[in-house]
Protein backbone atom coordinates (compact mmCIF):
# COMPACT_ATOMS: atom_id res chain seq x y z
CA MET A 1 15.31 -28.44 30.40
CA ARG A 2 11.83 -29.60 31.40
CA LYS A 3 10.86 -25.99 32.23
CA LEU A 4 12.19 -24.81 28.87
CA LEU A 5 10.16 -27.42 26.98
CA SER A 6 7.10 -26.50 29.03
CA SER A 7 7.56 -22.81 28.17
CA ILE A 8 7.95 -23.57 24.45
CA LEU A 9 4.84 -25.77 24.49
CA THR A 10 2.87 -23.04 26.25
CA LEU A 11 4.01 -20.47 23.67
CA LEU A 12 3.00 -22.74 20.78
CA LEU A 13 -0.42 -23.34 22.32
CA VAL A 14 -0.96 -19.59 22.66
CA LEU A 15 0.12 -18.94 19.08
CA PHE A 16 -2.07 -21.66 17.59
CA SER A 17 -5.06 -20.56 19.68
CA LEU A 18 -4.95 -17.04 18.26
CA PRO A 19 -7.70 -16.28 15.73
CA PHE A 20 -6.69 -15.88 12.10
CA THR A 21 -7.52 -12.19 12.39
CA ALA A 22 -4.32 -11.72 14.36
CA ALA A 23 -2.61 -11.62 10.97
CA ALA A 24 -5.28 -9.35 9.53
CA ASN A 25 -3.86 -6.11 10.95
CA ILE A 26 -0.35 -6.32 9.52
CA ASP A 27 0.90 -3.83 6.97
CA VAL A 28 1.01 -5.31 3.49
CA THR A 29 2.98 -3.36 0.92
CA GLU A 30 3.14 -5.87 -1.92
CA PRO A 31 0.28 -7.43 -3.89
CA PRO A 32 -0.57 -10.82 -2.38
CA VAL A 33 0.13 -14.20 -3.94
CA VAL A 34 -3.14 -16.12 -4.06
CA THR A 35 -3.89 -19.73 -4.93
CA ALA A 36 -7.10 -18.84 -6.77
CA ARG A 37 -7.16 -19.25 -10.52
CA SER A 38 -9.08 -15.99 -10.72
CA ALA A 39 -9.39 -13.24 -8.12
CA VAL A 40 -10.33 -9.60 -7.72
CA LEU A 41 -10.44 -7.00 -4.96
CA LEU A 42 -12.94 -4.19 -5.57
CA ASP A 43 -13.82 -0.95 -3.81
CA GLN A 44 -17.59 -1.05 -3.48
CA ALA A 45 -18.17 2.72 -3.55
CA THR A 46 -16.28 3.52 -6.76
CA GLY A 47 -15.81 0.14 -8.42
CA ARG A 48 -12.04 0.67 -8.50
CA ILE A 49 -10.12 -2.59 -8.93
CA LEU A 50 -7.42 -2.78 -6.24
CA PHE A 51 -6.14 -6.24 -7.15
CA SER A 52 -6.71 -8.45 -10.16
CA LYS A 53 -5.64 -11.93 -11.23
CA ASN A 54 -7.28 -13.31 -14.37
CA ALA A 55 -10.31 -11.27 -13.28
CA HIS A 56 -12.03 -11.48 -16.69
CA GLU A 57 -11.52 -15.21 -17.27
CA VAL A 58 -14.85 -17.02 -17.73
CA LEU A 59 -15.27 -19.72 -15.06
CA PRO A 60 -18.02 -21.63 -13.24
CA MET A 61 -18.99 -20.11 -9.88
CA ALA A 62 -20.89 -22.87 -8.04
CA SER A 63 -23.15 -21.64 -5.22
CA THR A 64 -21.99 -18.03 -5.37
CA THR A 65 -24.74 -18.08 -8.01
CA LYS A 66 -27.18 -17.73 -5.12
CA ILE A 67 -26.15 -14.10 -4.61
CA MET A 68 -28.07 -13.19 -7.75
CA THR A 69 -30.99 -15.42 -6.74
CA ALA A 70 -31.17 -13.51 -3.45
CA ILE A 71 -30.96 -10.15 -5.24
CA LEU A 72 -33.99 -10.94 -7.39
CA ALA A 73 -35.92 -12.25 -4.39
CA LEU A 74 -35.20 -9.13 -2.34
CA GLU A 75 -35.81 -6.71 -5.21
CA SER A 76 -39.17 -8.36 -5.93
CA GLY A 77 -40.61 -6.80 -2.78
CA ARG A 78 -42.53 -10.02 -2.16
CA LEU A 79 -40.75 -11.46 0.89
CA GLY A 80 -44.01 -11.99 2.75
CA GLU A 81 -45.56 -14.17 0.03
CA ILE A 82 -46.19 -17.85 0.67
CA VAL A 83 -44.26 -20.24 -1.57
CA LYS A 84 -45.51 -23.78 -2.04
CA VAL A 85 -42.59 -26.14 -2.53
CA SER A 86 -42.86 -28.33 -5.62
CA GLU A 87 -41.77 -31.95 -5.76
CA TYR A 88 -39.09 -30.92 -8.26
CA ALA A 89 -37.66 -28.38 -5.80
CA SER A 90 -37.73 -30.87 -2.93
CA LEU A 91 -35.73 -33.42 -4.93
CA VAL A 92 -32.98 -31.16 -6.31
CA GLU A 93 -29.57 -32.63 -5.56
CA GLY A 94 -26.73 -31.15 -3.52
CA SER A 95 -26.90 -29.03 -0.38
CA GLY A 96 -30.36 -28.26 0.92
CA ILE A 97 -32.54 -27.39 3.90
CA ASP A 98 -34.73 -30.52 3.62
CA LEU A 99 -37.74 -28.88 2.02
CA GLU A 100 -40.64 -31.25 1.46
CA ALA A 101 -43.07 -31.31 -1.46
CA GLY A 102 -46.23 -29.35 -0.62
CA GLU A 103 -44.56 -27.52 2.26
CA GLU A 104 -45.30 -23.80 2.48
CA LYS A 105 -42.66 -21.22 3.29
CA THR A 106 -42.47 -17.46 3.08
CA LEU A 107 -40.12 -16.13 0.45
CA GLU A 108 -38.11 -14.53 3.25
CA GLU A 109 -37.58 -17.89 4.96
CA LEU A 110 -36.33 -19.34 1.69
CA VAL A 111 -33.83 -16.49 1.29
CA TYR A 112 -32.34 -17.33 4.68
CA GLY A 113 -32.16 -21.01 3.72
CA LEU A 114 -30.60 -20.01 0.42
CA MET A 115 -27.85 -17.81 1.85
CA LEU A 116 -27.04 -19.34 5.24
CA GLN A 117 -27.04 -23.03 4.34
CA SER A 118 -26.81 -22.77 0.56
CA GLY A 119 -30.08 -24.61 0.00
CA ASN A 120 -30.41 -25.74 -3.60
CA ASP A 121 -34.01 -26.69 -2.81
CA ALA A 122 -34.65 -23.16 -1.50
CA ALA A 123 -33.09 -21.68 -4.64
CA THR A 124 -35.31 -23.79 -6.88
CA ALA A 125 -38.46 -22.94 -4.92
CA ILE A 126 -37.62 -19.23 -5.20
CA ALA A 127 -37.00 -19.53 -8.95
CA GLU A 128 -40.26 -21.35 -9.61
CA HIS A 129 -42.26 -18.90 -7.52
CA LEU A 130 -40.78 -15.71 -9.00
CA GLY A 131 -40.04 -16.88 -12.53
CA GLY A 132 -42.60 -19.59 -13.20
CA SER A 133 -39.80 -22.05 -13.89
CA VAL A 134 -36.09 -22.48 -13.30
CA GLU A 135 -35.37 -21.69 -16.95
CA LYS A 136 -37.38 -18.46 -17.02
CA PHE A 137 -35.88 -17.31 -13.73
CA ALA A 138 -32.36 -17.94 -15.07
CA VAL A 139 -33.12 -15.62 -17.97
CA LYS A 140 -34.10 -12.93 -15.46
CA MET A 141 -30.88 -13.54 -13.54
CA THR A 142 -28.75 -13.08 -16.64
CA ARG A 143 -30.65 -9.94 -17.65
CA ARG A 144 -30.22 -8.40 -14.20
CA ALA A 145 -26.51 -9.24 -14.22
CA LYS A 146 -26.03 -7.36 -17.46
CA GLU A 147 -27.89 -4.36 -16.01
CA LEU A 148 -25.31 -4.35 -13.22
CA GLY A 149 -22.44 -4.38 -15.72
CA ALA A 150 -21.72 -8.12 -15.52
CA ALA A 151 -21.50 -8.59 -19.27
CA GLN A 152 -19.66 -11.93 -19.22
CA THR A 153 -22.09 -13.72 -16.93
CA LYS A 154 -24.73 -16.27 -17.87
CA PHE A 155 -27.02 -18.18 -15.55
CA MET A 156 -28.73 -21.48 -16.33
CA ASN A 157 -30.07 -22.18 -12.85
CA PRO A 158 -30.58 -20.42 -9.48
CA HIS A 159 -28.26 -22.61 -7.38
CA GLY A 160 -24.98 -23.13 -9.22
CA LEU A 161 -25.00 -26.85 -9.91
CA HIS A 162 -22.67 -27.37 -12.84
CA HIS A 163 -23.83 -26.57 -16.36
CA GLU A 164 -21.48 -25.85 -19.27
CA ASP A 165 -23.32 -22.63 -20.12
CA HIS A 166 -23.45 -21.37 -16.52
CA PHE A 167 -20.49 -19.06 -15.87
CA THR A 168 -19.16 -15.71 -14.69
CA THR A 169 -15.87 -13.92 -14.10
CA ALA A 170 -14.34 -12.77 -10.84
CA TYR A 171 -14.89 -9.17 -11.90
CA ASP A 172 -18.53 -9.73 -12.86
CA LEU A 173 -19.25 -11.55 -9.62
CA ALA A 174 -17.64 -8.69 -7.69
CA LEU A 175 -19.98 -6.20 -9.43
CA ILE A 176 -22.97 -8.39 -8.56
CA SER A 177 -21.76 -8.75 -4.97
CA ALA A 178 -21.15 -5.02 -4.60
CA HIS A 179 -24.75 -4.35 -5.61
CA ALA A 180 -26.05 -7.05 -3.30
CA MET A 181 -24.25 -5.49 -0.34
CA SER A 182 -25.98 -2.18 -1.05
CA ILE A 183 -29.32 -3.82 -0.15
CA PRO A 184 -29.93 -3.49 3.63
CA LYS A 185 -31.89 -6.75 3.89
CA PHE A 186 -29.14 -8.63 2.07
CA GLN A 187 -26.62 -7.28 4.57
CA GLU A 188 -28.88 -8.36 7.40
CA VAL A 189 -29.13 -11.91 6.04
CA CYS A 190 -25.36 -12.15 5.48
CA LEU A 191 -24.60 -11.12 9.06
CA THR A 192 -27.06 -13.60 10.61
CA GLN A 193 -25.05 -16.32 12.36
CA GLU A 194 -28.04 -18.58 12.90
CA THR A 195 -31.81 -18.44 12.76
CA ASN A 196 -34.88 -20.66 12.86
CA ILE A 197 -37.47 -21.10 10.13
CA SER A 198 -40.64 -23.13 10.32
CA TRP A 199 -40.86 -26.85 9.58
CA THR A 200 -44.39 -27.78 8.61
CA GLY A 201 -45.76 -30.81 10.46
CA ARG A 202 -42.90 -30.93 12.96
CA PRO A 203 -42.97 -29.87 16.62
CA TYR A 204 -39.69 -28.01 16.08
CA ASN A 205 -38.20 -25.52 13.61
CA ARG A 206 -35.30 -25.79 11.20
CA LEU A 207 -32.07 -24.34 12.59
CA LEU A 208 -30.03 -22.57 9.93
CA ARG A 209 -26.35 -21.82 10.57
CA ASN A 210 -24.26 -19.46 8.50
CA GLN A 211 -21.48 -21.28 6.62
CA ASN A 212 -19.43 -18.14 6.01
CA LYS A 213 -16.34 -18.57 8.20
CA LEU A 214 -14.96 -15.20 7.15
CA LEU A 215 -17.34 -13.57 9.64
CA THR A 216 -15.20 -14.92 12.48
CA LEU A 217 -11.84 -14.93 10.68
CA PHE A 218 -11.53 -11.29 9.67
CA ASP A 219 -12.20 -8.11 11.61
CA GLY A 220 -15.00 -6.21 9.82
CA ALA A 221 -16.17 -9.13 7.65
CA ASP A 222 -19.87 -8.83 6.77
CA GLY A 223 -20.51 -11.21 3.83
CA ILE A 224 -21.09 -12.98 1.51
CA LYS A 225 -21.31 -16.52 0.02
CA THR A 226 -19.37 -19.75 -0.38
CA GLY A 227 -19.51 -22.16 -3.31
CA TRP A 228 -18.09 -25.51 -4.38
CA THR A 229 -18.49 -28.06 -7.15
CA THR A 230 -15.84 -30.35 -8.58
CA PRO A 231 -15.55 -28.37 -11.86
CA ALA A 232 -15.65 -24.96 -10.15
CA GLY A 233 -13.45 -25.76 -7.19
CA ARG A 234 -13.74 -23.67 -4.04
CA CYS A 235 -15.31 -20.28 -4.71
CA PHE A 236 -16.06 -17.36 -2.44
CA ALA A 237 -17.41 -13.83 -2.68
CA GLY A 238 -16.53 -11.84 0.41
CA SER A 239 -17.12 -8.44 1.94
CA ALA A 240 -15.61 -6.46 4.79
CA THR A 241 -16.20 -2.96 6.11
CA ARG A 242 -13.85 -0.85 8.19
CA ASP A 243 -14.51 2.79 9.07
CA ASN A 244 -17.45 2.80 6.61
CA TRP A 245 -15.15 1.61 3.81
CA ARG A 246 -16.33 -1.62 2.19
CA LEU A 247 -14.15 -3.90 0.07
CA ILE A 248 -15.48 -6.76 -2.07
CA THR A 249 -13.42 -9.85 -2.84
CA VAL A 250 -14.00 -12.76 -5.21
CA VAL A 251 -11.86 -15.88 -5.55
CA LEU A 252 -12.75 -18.59 -8.06
CA ASN A 253 -11.21 -22.08 -8.07
CA ALA A 254 -9.25 -21.25 -4.92
CA PRO A 255 -7.69 -24.16 -3.02
CA GLN A 256 -6.98 -21.81 -0.09
CA MET A 257 -10.25 -19.92 -0.26
CA TRP A 258 -10.24 -18.31 3.20
CA GLU A 259 -6.52 -17.55 3.21
CA ASP A 260 -6.72 -15.95 -0.24
CA THR A 261 -9.62 -13.77 0.81
CA ILE A 262 -7.89 -12.59 3.98
CA ARG A 263 -4.69 -11.81 2.07
CA LEU A 264 -6.67 -9.70 -0.38
CA LEU A 265 -8.48 -7.79 2.35
CA ASP A 266 -5.27 -7.24 4.32
CA PHE A 267 -3.68 -5.86 1.17
CA GLY A 268 -6.59 -3.54 0.44
CA TYR A 269 -6.76 -2.04 3.92
CA SER A 270 -2.98 -1.73 4.28
CA TYR A 271 -1.80 -0.65 0.85
CA TYR A 272 -4.60 1.85 0.17
CA GLN A 273 -6.03 4.65 2.26
CA TRP A 274 -9.57 5.99 2.10
CA ASN A 275 -9.60 9.64 1.06
CA GLU A 276 -12.47 12.12 1.13
CA VAL A 277 -12.05 13.69 -2.29
CA ILE A 278 -15.02 16.04 -1.88
CA ASN A 279 -16.98 16.84 1.27
CA GLU A 280 -20.72 17.46 1.35
CA ASN A 281 -21.49 21.20 1.26
CA GLN A 282 -17.90 21.98 0.24
CA THR A 283 -17.58 25.16 -1.82
CA LEU A 284 -16.36 24.16 -5.27
CA LYS A 285 -16.70 27.21 -7.52
CA THR A 286 -18.90 30.20 -8.37
CA ALA A 287 -21.21 30.69 -11.32
CA ALA A 288 -22.36 33.87 -13.02
CA VAL A 289 -25.97 34.95 -12.48
CA ARG A 290 -28.04 37.24 -14.70
CA LYS A 291 -30.90 39.47 -13.54
CA GLY A 292 -30.06 38.71 -9.93
CA MET A 293 -29.39 40.75 -6.79
CA LEU A 294 -25.97 39.04 -6.89
CA ASP A 295 -23.76 38.68 -9.94
CA LYS A 296 -22.45 35.29 -8.79
CA VAL A 297 -23.62 32.37 -6.73
CA THR A 298 -21.51 29.88 -4.78
CA LEU A 299 -21.76 26.25 -5.89
CA ILE A 300 -21.46 23.56 -3.22
CA ALA A 301 -21.26 19.76 -3.35
CA GLY A 302 -24.53 17.93 -2.79
CA GLU A 303 -22.75 14.89 -1.32
CA SER A 304 -19.38 13.58 -0.24
CA VAL A 305 -17.12 11.60 -2.56
CA GLY A 306 -14.37 9.31 -1.37
CA MET A 307 -12.13 6.63 -2.82
CA PRO A 308 -9.11 4.51 -1.94
CA LEU A 309 -5.81 6.00 -3.06
CA LYS A 310 -2.18 5.05 -2.84
CA GLU A 311 0.43 7.66 -2.01
CA ASN A 312 0.69 10.42 -4.66
CA GLU A 313 -2.35 9.17 -6.59
CA ALA A 314 -4.45 12.26 -5.82
CA GLU A 315 -2.83 13.99 -8.80
CA LEU A 316 -4.70 11.59 -11.09
CA LEU A 317 -8.06 13.01 -10.02
CA ARG A 318 -9.84 15.26 -12.53
CA TYR A 319 -13.01 17.34 -12.16
CA HIS A 320 -15.40 18.32 -14.94
CA PHE A 321 -18.10 20.89 -14.18
CA GLU A 322 -21.29 21.15 -16.21
CA VAL A 323 -23.08 24.42 -15.42
CA LYS A 324 -25.10 26.40 -17.95
CA GLU A 325 -23.83 29.89 -17.20
CA PRO A 326 -25.06 32.44 -16.66
CA LEU A 327 -27.71 31.09 -14.30
CA SER A 328 -31.02 32.93 -14.20
CA ALA A 329 -32.35 34.48 -11.00
CA PRO A 330 -34.24 33.81 -8.85
CA ILE A 331 -32.23 30.93 -7.35
CA LYS A 332 -33.09 29.20 -4.09
CA ALA A 333 -30.44 28.04 -1.64
CA GLY A 334 -29.91 24.30 -2.14
CA GLN A 335 -31.33 24.35 -5.68
CA GLU A 336 -29.60 22.00 -8.13
CA VAL A 337 -27.81 24.13 -10.70
CA GLY A 338 -25.28 21.80 -12.29
CA THR A 339 -23.28 18.60 -12.16
CA LEU A 340 -19.73 17.70 -11.23
CA TYR A 341 -18.12 14.59 -12.75
CA VAL A 342 -15.17 13.19 -10.82
CA TYR A 343 -12.63 11.12 -12.75
CA PHE A 344 -9.72 9.01 -11.63
CA GLY A 345 -7.59 8.85 -14.74
CA THR A 346 -10.12 7.95 -17.44
CA GLN A 347 -12.58 6.22 -15.07
CA ARG A 348 -15.55 8.24 -13.89
CA ILE A 349 -15.87 7.45 -10.20
CA SER A 350 -18.72 9.73 -9.17
CA THR A 351 -21.40 12.17 -10.29
CA VAL A 352 -22.18 14.96 -7.82
CA GLN A 353 -25.05 17.44 -7.81
CA LEU A 354 -23.96 21.06 -7.64
CA LEU A 355 -26.21 23.10 -5.38
CA ALA A 356 -26.62 26.84 -4.92
CA GLY A 357 -24.91 27.88 -1.72
CA GLU A 358 -27.18 30.88 -1.13
CA GLU A 359 -30.40 32.44 -2.34
CA VAL A 360 -30.26 34.94 -5.19
CA GLU A 361 -33.34 37.12 -5.64
CA LYS A 362 -34.34 38.52 -9.01
CA ARG A 363 -33.69 42.22 -9.53
CA GLY A 364 -36.74 44.46 -9.97
CA LEU A 365 -37.16 46.83 -12.96
CA GLY A 366 -36.24 49.89 -10.90
CA ARG A 367 -32.97 48.31 -9.77
CA ILE A 368 -32.13 47.30 -13.33
CA ILE A 369 -32.69 50.91 -14.55
CA ARG A 370 -30.61 52.37 -11.71
CA ARG A 371 -27.87 49.87 -12.37
CA PHE A 372 -27.84 50.72 -16.12
CA PHE A 373 -27.74 54.49 -15.64
CA GLY A 374 -25.27 54.20 -12.80
CA GLY A 375 -22.88 52.38 -15.08
CA TRP A 376 -23.54 54.87 -17.89
CA LEU A 377 -22.84 57.88 -15.69
CA GLN A 378 -19.62 56.32 -14.46
CA ALA A 379 -18.55 55.79 -18.06
CA VAL A 380 -19.34 59.43 -18.98
CA ALA A 381 -17.49 60.76 -15.96
CA ALA A 382 -14.47 58.74 -16.87
C-alpha cells in the first residue's frame, strides 16, 4: 500500500511539474470556451478571423494601450534621441520603472521600459517627447489606429490608465498588434526576457524583466503585452509563430487570461492548416502580345500567398486578374504587367504582382511585312 501511494504521489508530482505547453500540442476540433468578455484570434498575414467572441464590443484595454505607444516610438525613427523626463512623467501613478524628474534616457531605453515592465512613466515620457504633450500624442495614437483599420478605437493617454473615452475592441487591438509584430524592432523587444538600462546617478543599472508569461507557457510564443485595471479587468494581446505562420490573439476582461490565450492558439494551430495558395514564380496564365516576336507571354506570380484553411475551404478561393491585353512588346523578363487579386469569399486576402515570365522582343518592320504576306499567301492558296 505504501509503495502504491508513493507511486501515485510521484506521478502527480511529474504531472504538475510539466509546463503548460504540454497541453499546447493537442488536437482541438471545436471552438474553445473562453472566460474573456471579448476575444479574437486573427491570422496576421491575411487578417482572417479564426475565432471571435464579442470581438467588436467597445471595452477599455488597460496597458495593452502601450502597443500603440511603442508603434509610434519605433516608427518615428528617433530611438537614439535623448529624452529628458519631466516631473509630470516621473509622478504618474501605477506601474513604472522609477524614472526621476530630470533624468535623461534614450527613446529606445524607454521603449524597453514601456513594453517589458509596463512603465506608465516611460509611456508618459515618450508621449511628451514625441507629441509635445500627452493629449497631443493621444490624438496621434488614435489617428494611427484608424490608418491601421482600427475604426472603433480611441486613445486618451499613452499608458492605459482608465478614462471613460479611452477604449478599443478585441478586433481593433488585434489589427494594431498584427501591425506591431510586422516591425522587426518590436519583435526584438517583445522577445527580450530581461535587459538593463541606465540609471542616472546610481552605480548600477535598472534591470527590466519581461512580464509576458506566454513566452514560457506556449511553444512558439513571441509577444506581446499584458494589461490590467479594475474597470478593464485582465487584458492580453498575444502572438505566436509556428512554421512561419503567426497568429494574433486578444482577450479583454479575461479572468483566465493565460488559459484563454493558450486555448485560442491551440485551436488555431489544430483546427486550421496553413496552405500555400500561390507560390512565387508560379505560372498563372498567358497574355496576348502585339508587335512581339512571341504572340503570348507567360505571367508568373511575383510573390507567394498563403492562408489558413479548414478542410474543403479551398473552393471558396477566387482569383481576379487585371491585365491590359494585348501587351505591347518589347517586354522584359520579370517586368510587372498586371495584378492578381486573391479573394476568400468576399474578403480580399492578397494583391499579387503579375510578372512576365520571359523576354519578348519587338518585331522589326521586315518581319512584320513577311508575316503579313505569309498569312496573305496562305489565305490565297486556301
